[in-house]
Amino acid sequence: MIRPFQFAAAFLLVLLAGCAEPDHYPVSGQECSEGDPVQDLSASDCSPPT
């Protein structure tokens, strides 16, 4: 069972991520650039190996 604090923290994280400006990372607020190494990642790079 999820504790109320964990639920509130997860909810706020999703809410704040939705408030990020375009071309900025939601958590750090840093501006995205063309040279960022994360630009080459895809969803399959983030999934655990099976």
N, C-alpha and C. Protein backbone atom coordinates (compact mmCIF):
# COMPACT_ATOMS: atom_id res chain seq x y z
N MET A 1 0.84 -1.18 0.00
CA MET A 1 0.00 0.00 0.00
C MET A 1 0.88 1.25 0.00
N ILE A 2 0.52 2.21 -0.81
CA ILE A 2 1.30 3.44 -0.92
C ILE A 2 0.93 4.37 0.24
N ARG A 3 1.95 4.87 0.89
CA ARG A 3 1.74 5.81 1.99
C ARG A 3 1.33 7.16 1.42
N PRO A 4 0.60 7.95 2.19
CA PRO A 4 0.16 9.27 1.69
C PRO A 4 1.33 10.17 1.27
N PHE A 5 2.45 10.13 2.01
CA PHE A 5 3.59 10.97 1.64
C PHE A 5 4.15 10.56 0.28
N GLN A 6 4.25 9.27 0.03
CA GLN A 6 4.79 8.80 -1.25
C GLN A 6 3.86 9.20 -2.40
N PHE A 7 2.57 9.09 -2.16
CA PHE A 7 1.61 9.49 -3.19
C PHE A 7 1.72 10.98 -3.48
N ALA A 8 1.81 11.79 -2.44
CA ALA A 8 1.90 13.24 -2.61
C ALA A 8 3.20 13.61 -3.33
N ALA A 9 4.30 12.95 -2.98
CA ALA A 9 5.58 13.24 -3.62
C ALA A 9 5.53 12.89 -5.11
N ALA A 10 4.96 11.74 -5.44
CA ALA A 10 4.85 11.33 -6.83
C ALA A 10 3.93 12.28 -7.61
N PHE A 11 2.85 12.68 -7.00
CA PHE A 11 1.90 13.60 -7.64
C PHE A 11 2.57 14.93 -7.92
N LEU A 12 3.30 15.47 -6.95
CA LEU A 12 3.98 16.75 -7.14
C LEU A 12 5.07 16.67 -8.20
N LEU A 13 5.77 15.55 -8.26
CA LEU A 13 6.80 15.39 -9.28
C LEU A 13 6.19 15.42 -10.68
N VAL A 14 5.09 14.73 -10.86
CA VAL A 14 4.41 14.73 -12.16
C VAL A 14 3.87 16.12 -12.48
N LEU A 15 3.33 16.78 -11.48
CA LEU A 15 2.79 18.12 -11.68
C LEU A 15 3.89 19.09 -12.07
N LEU A 16 5.03 19.05 -11.36
CA LEU A 16 6.13 19.95 -11.67
C LEU A 16 6.75 19.65 -13.02
N ALA A 17 6.82 18.38 -13.40
CA ALA A 17 7.38 18.02 -14.69
C ALA A 17 6.51 18.56 -15.82
N GLY A 18 5.22 18.63 -15.60
CA GLY A 18 4.31 19.18 -16.60
C GLY A 18 4.43 20.68 -16.74
N CYS A 19 5.04 21.33 -15.76
CA CYS A 19 5.17 22.79 -15.79
C CYS A 19 6.50 23.25 -16.40
N ALA A 20 7.30 22.34 -16.88
CA ALA A 20 8.60 22.72 -17.45
C ALA A 20 8.40 23.48 -18.76
N GLU A 21 9.26 24.44 -18.97
CA GLU A 21 9.20 25.19 -20.21
C GLU A 21 9.72 24.33 -21.35
N PRO A 22 9.26 24.57 -22.56
CA PRO A 22 9.80 23.82 -23.70
C PRO A 22 11.30 24.06 -23.83
N ASP A 23 12.03 23.07 -24.25
CA ASP A 23 13.48 23.13 -24.44
C ASP A 23 14.24 23.27 -23.13
N HIS A 24 13.63 22.86 -22.00
CA HIS A 24 14.29 22.85 -20.70
C HIS A 24 14.02 21.51 -20.03
N TYR A 25 15.01 21.04 -19.27
CA TYR A 25 14.81 19.81 -18.50
C TYR A 25 13.90 20.12 -17.32
N PRO A 26 12.91 19.26 -17.03
CA PRO A 26 11.93 19.57 -16.00
C PRO A 26 12.49 19.62 -14.58
N VAL A 27 13.46 18.81 -14.23
CA VAL A 27 13.95 18.77 -12.85
C VAL A 27 14.99 19.85 -12.60
N SER A 28 15.97 19.95 -13.48
CA SER A 28 17.06 20.91 -13.26
C SER A 28 16.75 22.30 -13.80
N GLY A 29 15.89 22.39 -14.79
CA GLY A 29 15.58 23.68 -15.40
C GLY A 29 16.63 24.13 -16.42
N GLN A 30 17.66 23.31 -16.64
CA GLN A 30 18.69 23.66 -17.60
C GLN A 30 18.14 23.59 -19.02
N GLU A 31 18.70 24.43 -19.86
CA GLU A 31 18.25 24.47 -21.25
C GLU A 31 18.79 23.26 -22.01
N CYS A 32 17.96 22.64 -22.83
CA CYS A 32 18.37 21.53 -23.67
C CYS A 32 19.17 22.08 -24.85
N SER A 33 20.14 21.33 -25.29
CA SER A 33 20.92 21.75 -26.46
C SER A 33 21.07 20.57 -27.41
N GLU A 34 21.52 20.85 -28.62
CA GLU A 34 21.66 19.81 -29.62
C GLU A 34 22.77 18.83 -29.27
N GLY A 35 23.74 19.23 -28.45
CA GLY A 35 24.86 18.37 -28.11
C GLY A 35 24.63 17.49 -26.90
N ASP A 36 23.45 17.54 -26.30
CA ASP A 36 23.18 16.72 -25.12
C ASP A 36 23.18 15.24 -25.49
N PRO A 37 23.89 14.41 -24.71
CA PRO A 37 23.96 12.99 -25.04
C PRO A 37 22.62 12.27 -24.93
N VAL A 38 21.69 12.82 -24.17
CA VAL A 38 20.39 12.16 -24.03
C VAL A 38 19.52 12.29 -25.28
N GLN A 39 19.91 13.15 -26.19
CA GLN A 39 19.13 13.33 -27.42
C GLN A 39 19.13 12.07 -28.28
N ASP A 40 20.16 11.24 -28.13
CA ASP A 40 20.27 10.02 -28.94
C ASP A 40 19.60 8.81 -28.28
N LEU A 41 19.06 8.96 -27.08
CA LEU A 41 18.44 7.83 -26.38
C LEU A 41 17.03 7.57 -26.91
N SER A 42 16.64 6.32 -26.86
CA SER A 42 15.26 5.96 -27.19
C SER A 42 14.66 5.22 -25.99
N ALA A 43 13.39 4.93 -26.04
CA ALA A 43 12.73 4.25 -24.92
C ALA A 43 13.32 2.87 -24.68
N SER A 44 13.78 2.21 -25.72
CA SER A 44 14.36 0.87 -25.54
C SER A 44 15.69 0.93 -24.78
N ASP A 45 16.38 2.06 -24.81
CA ASP A 45 17.63 2.21 -24.05
C ASP A 45 17.36 2.27 -22.56
N CYS A 46 16.18 2.66 -22.16
CA CYS A 46 15.85 2.83 -20.75
C CYS A 46 15.16 1.61 -20.13
N SER A 47 14.79 0.65 -20.92
CA SER A 47 14.10 -0.53 -20.38
C SER A 47 15.12 -1.54 -19.87
N PRO A 48 14.77 -2.27 -18.81
CA PRO A 48 15.70 -3.27 -18.28
C PRO A 48 15.85 -4.44 -19.27
N PRO A 49 17.03 -5.04 -19.32
CA PRO A 49 17.23 -6.16 -20.23
C PRO A 49 16.38 -7.36 -19.81
N THR A 50 15.89 -8.08 -20.77
CA THR A 50 15.05 -9.25 -20.46
C THR A 50 15.78 -10.53 -20.80
